[in-house]
Amino acid sequence: MAETTDNDLPADWWTTEDVLAYLRSAGAPISRATWAAYVSRGQAPAADRMFGRSPAWRPTVVRAWQASRPRRGSVPSD
């Protein structure tokens, strides 16, 4: 079985690079290491699917996660 590459991903899935590019465009840039740490600690969504050894996320999942993230300096209301 041949290993799947990023070029073989369907257009409706995001690679780690796609997620990072989206976060940059949303004004919330993070590094690859930070994203990996968030995912491993459950602070970001787990990959929806693996294509070979490449994790992939549905864009709607990443967008919803970004929209629900607490903002720096925000105080939760009681």
N, C-alpha and C. Protein backbone atom coordinates (compact mmCIF):
# COMPACT_ATOMS: atom_id res chain seq x y z
N MET A 1 0.85 -1.19 0.00
CA MET A 1 0.00 0.00 0.00
C MET A 1 0.89 1.24 0.00
N ALA A 2 0.67 2.12 -0.94
CA ALA A 2 1.48 3.33 -1.05
C ALA A 2 1.08 4.33 0.03
N GLU A 3 2.07 5.04 0.55
CA GLU A 3 1.80 6.07 1.55
C GLU A 3 1.15 7.28 0.88
N THR A 4 0.15 7.83 1.54
CA THR A 4 -0.55 9.00 1.01
C THR A 4 0.25 10.25 1.34
N THR A 5 0.35 11.15 0.40
CA THR A 5 1.06 12.41 0.63
C THR A 5 0.05 13.53 0.78
N ASP A 6 0.53 14.70 1.22
CA ASP A 6 -0.35 15.86 1.37
C ASP A 6 -1.04 16.20 0.04
N ASN A 7 -0.39 15.93 -1.07
CA ASN A 7 -0.98 16.24 -2.37
C ASN A 7 -2.18 15.36 -2.67
N ASP A 8 -2.32 14.24 -1.94
CA ASP A 8 -3.43 13.33 -2.15
C ASP A 8 -4.63 13.65 -1.27
N LEU A 9 -4.51 14.65 -0.39
CA LEU A 9 -5.61 14.99 0.51
C LEU A 9 -6.77 15.60 -0.26
N PRO A 10 -7.99 15.21 0.10
CA PRO A 10 -9.15 15.89 -0.51
C PRO A 10 -9.13 17.37 -0.14
N ALA A 11 -9.71 18.20 -0.98
CA ALA A 11 -9.68 19.65 -0.77
C ALA A 11 -10.42 20.07 0.49
N ASP A 12 -11.33 19.23 0.97
CA ASP A 12 -12.11 19.62 2.15
C ASP A 12 -11.46 19.18 3.47
N TRP A 13 -10.19 18.87 3.45
CA TRP A 13 -9.43 18.54 4.67
C TRP A 13 -8.24 19.48 4.76
N TRP A 14 -7.87 19.87 5.97
CA TRP A 14 -6.72 20.74 6.18
C TRP A 14 -5.58 19.98 6.82
N THR A 15 -4.38 20.20 6.30
CA THR A 15 -3.17 19.68 6.91
C THR A 15 -2.77 20.63 8.05
N THR A 16 -1.74 20.27 8.78
CA THR A 16 -1.23 21.16 9.82
C THR A 16 -0.86 22.51 9.23
N GLU A 17 -0.22 22.52 8.08
CA GLU A 17 0.16 23.79 7.44
C GLU A 17 -1.06 24.63 7.10
N ASP A 18 -2.13 23.99 6.64
CA ASP A 18 -3.37 24.71 6.34
C ASP A 18 -3.96 25.32 7.60
N VAL A 19 -3.95 24.56 8.69
CA VAL A 19 -4.46 25.07 9.97
C VAL A 19 -3.65 26.28 10.41
N LEU A 20 -2.33 26.17 10.35
CA LEU A 20 -1.47 27.28 10.77
C LEU A 20 -1.69 28.51 9.88
N ALA A 21 -1.87 28.31 8.58
CA ALA A 21 -2.13 29.43 7.66
C ALA A 21 -3.47 30.08 8.01
N TYR A 22 -4.48 29.28 8.32
CA TYR A 22 -5.78 29.84 8.71
C TYR A 22 -5.65 30.66 9.99
N LEU A 23 -4.94 30.13 10.98
CA LEU A 23 -4.79 30.85 12.24
C LEU A 23 -4.04 32.17 12.03
N ARG A 24 -3.03 32.16 11.15
CA ARG A 24 -2.33 33.41 10.83
C ARG A 24 -3.30 34.41 10.21
N SER A 25 -4.11 33.95 9.27
CA SER A 25 -5.05 34.85 8.60
C SER A 25 -6.14 35.35 9.55
N ALA A 26 -6.42 34.58 10.60
CA ALA A 26 -7.43 34.97 11.59
C ALA A 26 -6.84 35.88 12.67
N GLY A 27 -5.54 36.20 12.54
CA GLY A 27 -4.89 37.07 13.51
C GLY A 27 -4.48 36.38 14.79
N ALA A 28 -4.36 35.06 14.74
CA ALA A 28 -3.98 34.28 15.92
C ALA A 28 -2.87 33.29 15.56
N PRO A 29 -1.73 33.81 15.07
CA PRO A 29 -0.67 32.89 14.62
C PRO A 29 -0.06 32.11 15.78
N ILE A 30 0.19 30.84 15.54
CA ILE A 30 0.90 29.99 16.49
C ILE A 30 1.90 29.16 15.70
N SER A 31 2.87 28.62 16.40
CA SER A 31 3.88 27.80 15.74
C SER A 31 3.39 26.36 15.59
N ARG A 32 4.08 25.62 14.76
CA ARG A 32 3.78 24.20 14.57
C ARG A 32 3.90 23.46 15.90
N ALA A 33 4.92 23.79 16.68
CA ALA A 33 5.12 23.12 17.98
C ALA A 33 3.98 23.44 18.94
N THR A 34 3.51 24.69 18.94
CA THR A 34 2.39 25.05 19.81
C THR A 34 1.14 24.31 19.39
N TRP A 35 0.85 24.24 18.09
CA TRP A 35 -0.32 23.50 17.60
C TRP A 35 -0.23 22.03 18.04
N ALA A 36 0.93 21.43 17.86
CA ALA A 36 1.10 20.03 18.25
C ALA A 36 0.88 19.84 19.75
N ALA A 37 1.38 20.78 20.55
CA ALA A 37 1.19 20.70 21.99
C ALA A 37 -0.29 20.86 22.36
N TYR A 38 -0.97 21.80 21.73
CA TYR A 38 -2.41 21.98 21.98
C TYR A 38 -3.17 20.70 21.66
N VAL A 39 -2.88 20.09 20.52
CA VAL A 39 -3.56 18.87 20.12
C VAL A 39 -3.27 17.74 21.10
N SER A 40 -2.00 17.59 21.48
CA SER A 40 -1.65 16.49 22.39
C SER A 40 -2.25 16.65 23.78
N ARG A 41 -2.47 17.91 24.21
CA ARG A 41 -3.08 18.16 25.53
C ARG A 41 -4.60 18.25 25.46
N GLY A 42 -5.16 18.12 24.29
CA GLY A 42 -6.61 18.21 24.15
C GLY A 42 -7.13 19.63 24.16
N GLN A 43 -6.25 20.61 23.98
CA GLN A 43 -6.65 22.01 23.94
C GLN A 43 -7.05 22.45 22.54
N ALA A 44 -6.79 21.63 21.57
CA ALA A 44 -7.20 21.85 20.18
C ALA A 44 -7.80 20.54 19.70
N PRO A 45 -8.60 20.58 18.66
CA PRO A 45 -9.24 19.34 18.21
C PRO A 45 -8.23 18.31 17.72
N ALA A 46 -8.50 17.07 18.06
CA ALA A 46 -7.70 15.97 17.53
C ALA A 46 -7.95 15.89 16.03
N ALA A 47 -6.99 15.33 15.33
CA ALA A 47 -7.16 15.16 13.88
C ALA A 47 -8.43 14.37 13.61
N ASP A 48 -9.18 14.79 12.61
CA ASP A 48 -10.39 14.07 12.22
C ASP A 48 -10.06 12.79 11.46
N ARG A 49 -8.89 12.80 10.83
CA ARG A 49 -8.50 11.65 10.02
C ARG A 49 -7.00 11.69 9.79
N MET A 50 -6.43 10.53 9.58
CA MET A 50 -5.03 10.44 9.22
C MET A 50 -4.95 9.96 7.77
N PHE A 51 -4.12 10.65 6.99
CA PHE A 51 -3.83 10.24 5.63
C PHE A 51 -2.38 9.80 5.65
N GLY A 52 -2.16 8.51 5.72
CA GLY A 52 -0.81 8.01 5.94
C GLY A 52 -0.40 8.43 7.34
N ARG A 53 0.70 9.15 7.46
CA ARG A 53 1.12 9.67 8.76
C ARG A 53 0.78 11.14 8.93
N SER A 54 0.02 11.69 8.01
CA SER A 54 -0.33 13.11 8.05
C SER A 54 -1.71 13.31 8.67
N PRO A 55 -1.77 14.06 9.79
CA PRO A 55 -3.07 14.35 10.38
C PRO A 55 -3.81 15.37 9.52
N ALA A 56 -5.13 15.28 9.53
CA ALA A 56 -5.94 16.23 8.77
C ALA A 56 -7.19 16.58 9.57
N TRP A 57 -7.63 17.81 9.41
CA TRP A 57 -8.79 18.33 10.12
C TRP A 57 -9.81 18.83 9.12
N ARG A 58 -11.08 18.75 9.49
CA ARG A 58 -12.14 19.38 8.70
C ARG A 58 -12.08 20.87 9.01
N PRO A 59 -12.12 21.72 8.00
CA PRO A 59 -12.06 23.16 8.23
C PRO A 59 -13.12 23.66 9.21
N THR A 60 -14.32 23.12 9.16
CA THR A 60 -15.37 23.59 10.07
C THR A 60 -15.01 23.34 11.53
N VAL A 61 -14.31 22.25 11.80
CA VAL A 61 -13.90 21.93 13.17
C VAL A 61 -12.87 22.95 13.66
N VAL A 62 -11.90 23.28 12.81
CA VAL A 62 -10.85 24.24 13.18
C VAL A 62 -11.45 25.63 13.35
N ARG A 63 -12.33 26.02 12.44
CA ARG A 63 -12.97 27.35 12.54
C ARG A 63 -13.79 27.47 13.82
N ALA A 64 -14.54 26.42 14.17
CA ALA A 64 -15.34 26.44 15.40
C ALA A 64 -14.44 26.51 16.63
N TRP A 65 -13.34 25.77 16.61
CA TRP A 65 -12.40 25.80 17.73
C TRP A 65 -11.81 27.20 17.87
N GLN A 66 -11.39 27.81 16.76
CA GLN A 66 -10.81 29.15 16.80
C GLN A 66 -11.82 30.15 17.34
N ALA A 67 -13.07 30.05 16.91
CA ALA A 67 -14.11 31.00 17.34
C ALA A 67 -14.39 30.87 18.84
N SER A 68 -14.18 29.69 19.40
CA SER A 68 -14.50 29.48 20.82
C SER A 68 -13.30 29.67 21.74
N ARG A 69 -12.13 29.95 21.19
CA ARG A 69 -10.94 30.12 22.01
C ARG A 69 -11.05 31.37 22.87
N PRO A 70 -10.66 31.26 24.15
CA PRO A 70 -10.64 32.48 24.97
C PRO A 70 -9.57 33.43 24.44
N ARG A 71 -9.83 34.68 24.49
CA ARG A 71 -8.88 35.68 24.03
C ARG A 71 -7.98 36.12 25.18
N ARG A 72 -6.76 36.45 24.85
CA ARG A 72 -5.82 36.92 25.85
C ARG A 72 -6.40 38.13 26.57
N GLY A 73 -6.37 38.08 27.90
CA GLY A 73 -6.87 39.20 28.69
C GLY A 73 -8.37 39.13 28.95
N SER A 74 -9.03 38.13 28.37
CA SER A 74 -10.48 38.03 28.62
C SER A 74 -10.71 37.38 29.98
N VAL A 75 -11.74 37.81 30.63
CA VAL A 75 -12.08 37.28 31.95
C VAL A 75 -13.41 36.56 31.82
N PRO A 76 -13.47 35.29 32.23
CA PRO A 76 -14.74 34.58 32.13
C PRO A 76 -15.80 35.25 33.04
N SER A 77 -17.01 35.35 32.53
CA SER A 77 -18.08 35.95 33.33
C SER A 77 -18.73 34.87 34.19
N ASP A 78 -19.20 35.27 35.35
CA ASP A 78 -19.85 34.31 36.26
C ASP A 78 -21.30 34.14 35.93
